Protein backbone atom coordinates (compact mmCIF):
# COMPACT_ATOMS: atom_id res chain seq x y z
CA MET A 1 -172.89 212.75 79.04
CA ILE A 2 -175.85 212.27 76.70
CA TYR A 3 -175.53 210.53 73.37
CA CYS A 4 -178.13 210.66 70.48
CA LYS A 5 -179.72 207.28 70.17
CA ASN A 6 -179.35 207.20 66.42
CA CYS A 7 -176.10 209.03 65.54
CA LEU A 8 -174.03 209.08 68.76
CA ASN A 9 -173.62 212.74 68.65
CA ILE A 10 -172.87 213.99 72.15
CA SER A 11 -174.16 216.49 74.83
CA THR A 12 -170.48 218.13 74.89
CA ARG A 13 -171.10 219.68 71.37
CA PRO A 14 -171.55 223.34 71.94
CA ASN A 15 -175.28 224.62 71.68
CA ILE A 16 -176.62 220.99 71.09
CA LYS A 17 -180.12 220.35 72.87
CA PHE A 18 -181.42 216.80 72.75
CA MET A 19 -185.16 216.08 72.16
CA GLU A 20 -187.03 214.23 74.86
CA ASP A 21 -186.83 211.01 73.02
CA GLY A 22 -183.05 211.09 73.06
CA LEU A 23 -182.35 212.17 69.47
CA SER A 24 -180.32 214.92 68.33
CA PRO A 25 -182.04 217.67 66.37
CA PRO A 26 -181.18 216.62 62.83
CA PHE A 27 -182.87 213.20 63.51
CA ALA A 28 -185.73 214.54 65.34
CA VAL A 29 -186.79 216.38 62.10
CA TYR A 30 -185.68 213.47 59.78
CA PHE A 31 -187.99 210.95 61.74
CA ASN A 32 -191.01 213.45 62.02
CA PRO A 33 -191.02 215.36 58.59
CA ALA A 34 -194.78 216.06 58.74
CA GLU A 35 -194.05 218.55 61.71
CA ILE A 36 -192.23 220.83 59.48
CA ASP A 37 -194.04 223.74 58.13
CA TRP A 38 -192.59 223.88 54.61
CA ASP A 39 -194.24 226.90 53.39
CA GLU A 40 -193.01 228.87 56.44
CA ARG A 41 -189.46 227.47 55.81
CA LYS A 42 -189.66 228.78 52.21
CA GLU A 43 -190.57 232.05 53.52
CA GLU A 44 -187.83 232.12 56.06
CA LEU A 45 -185.37 231.17 53.12
CA LYS A 46 -186.72 233.96 50.99
CA GLU A 47 -185.91 236.45 53.69
CA VAL A 48 -182.47 235.33 53.97
CA ILE A 49 -181.94 235.55 50.36
CA THR A 50 -183.52 239.06 50.34
CA PHE A 51 -181.29 240.12 53.17
CA GLY A 52 -178.15 238.49 51.58
CA LYS A 53 -178.72 240.30 48.28
CA ALA A 54 -179.33 243.63 49.94
CA ASN A 55 -176.36 243.54 52.04
CA ASN A 56 -173.91 241.95 49.44
CA HIS A 57 -170.86 244.02 49.02
CA SER A 58 -168.47 241.28 47.86
CA GLY A 59 -169.39 240.89 44.30
CA CYS A 60 -170.33 237.27 44.79
CA ASP A 61 -173.69 235.92 44.52
CA CYS A 62 -173.76 232.65 46.32
CA ILE A 63 -172.33 231.08 49.54
CA ILE A 64 -171.42 227.53 49.98
CA GLY A 65 -171.07 226.07 53.46
CA VAL A 66 -168.15 223.59 54.16
CA SER A 67 -168.35 221.60 57.30
CA GLY A 68 -165.19 220.13 58.63
CA GLY A 69 -165.79 220.28 62.33
CA LYS A 70 -164.18 222.98 64.31
CA GLU A 71 -162.36 224.32 61.04
CA SER A 72 -165.87 224.85 59.30
CA THR A 73 -165.87 227.90 56.84
CA ARG A 74 -167.95 229.48 54.35
């Protein structure tokens, strides 16, 4: 079993992949923010928003993520 060097996230978590330096993905990004292409991320977000608006049939105009582990919901 592998643990993140910073937050103790474990390798048994579904779909988690640790970086070569032993950090879980959130901390790899946190410690290396210059590696993020923020313009590209903004464009990705715009695509998600455009898709959501085009495919929304619920009458709602927002989504709020709530994390609680296995019982996470939206």
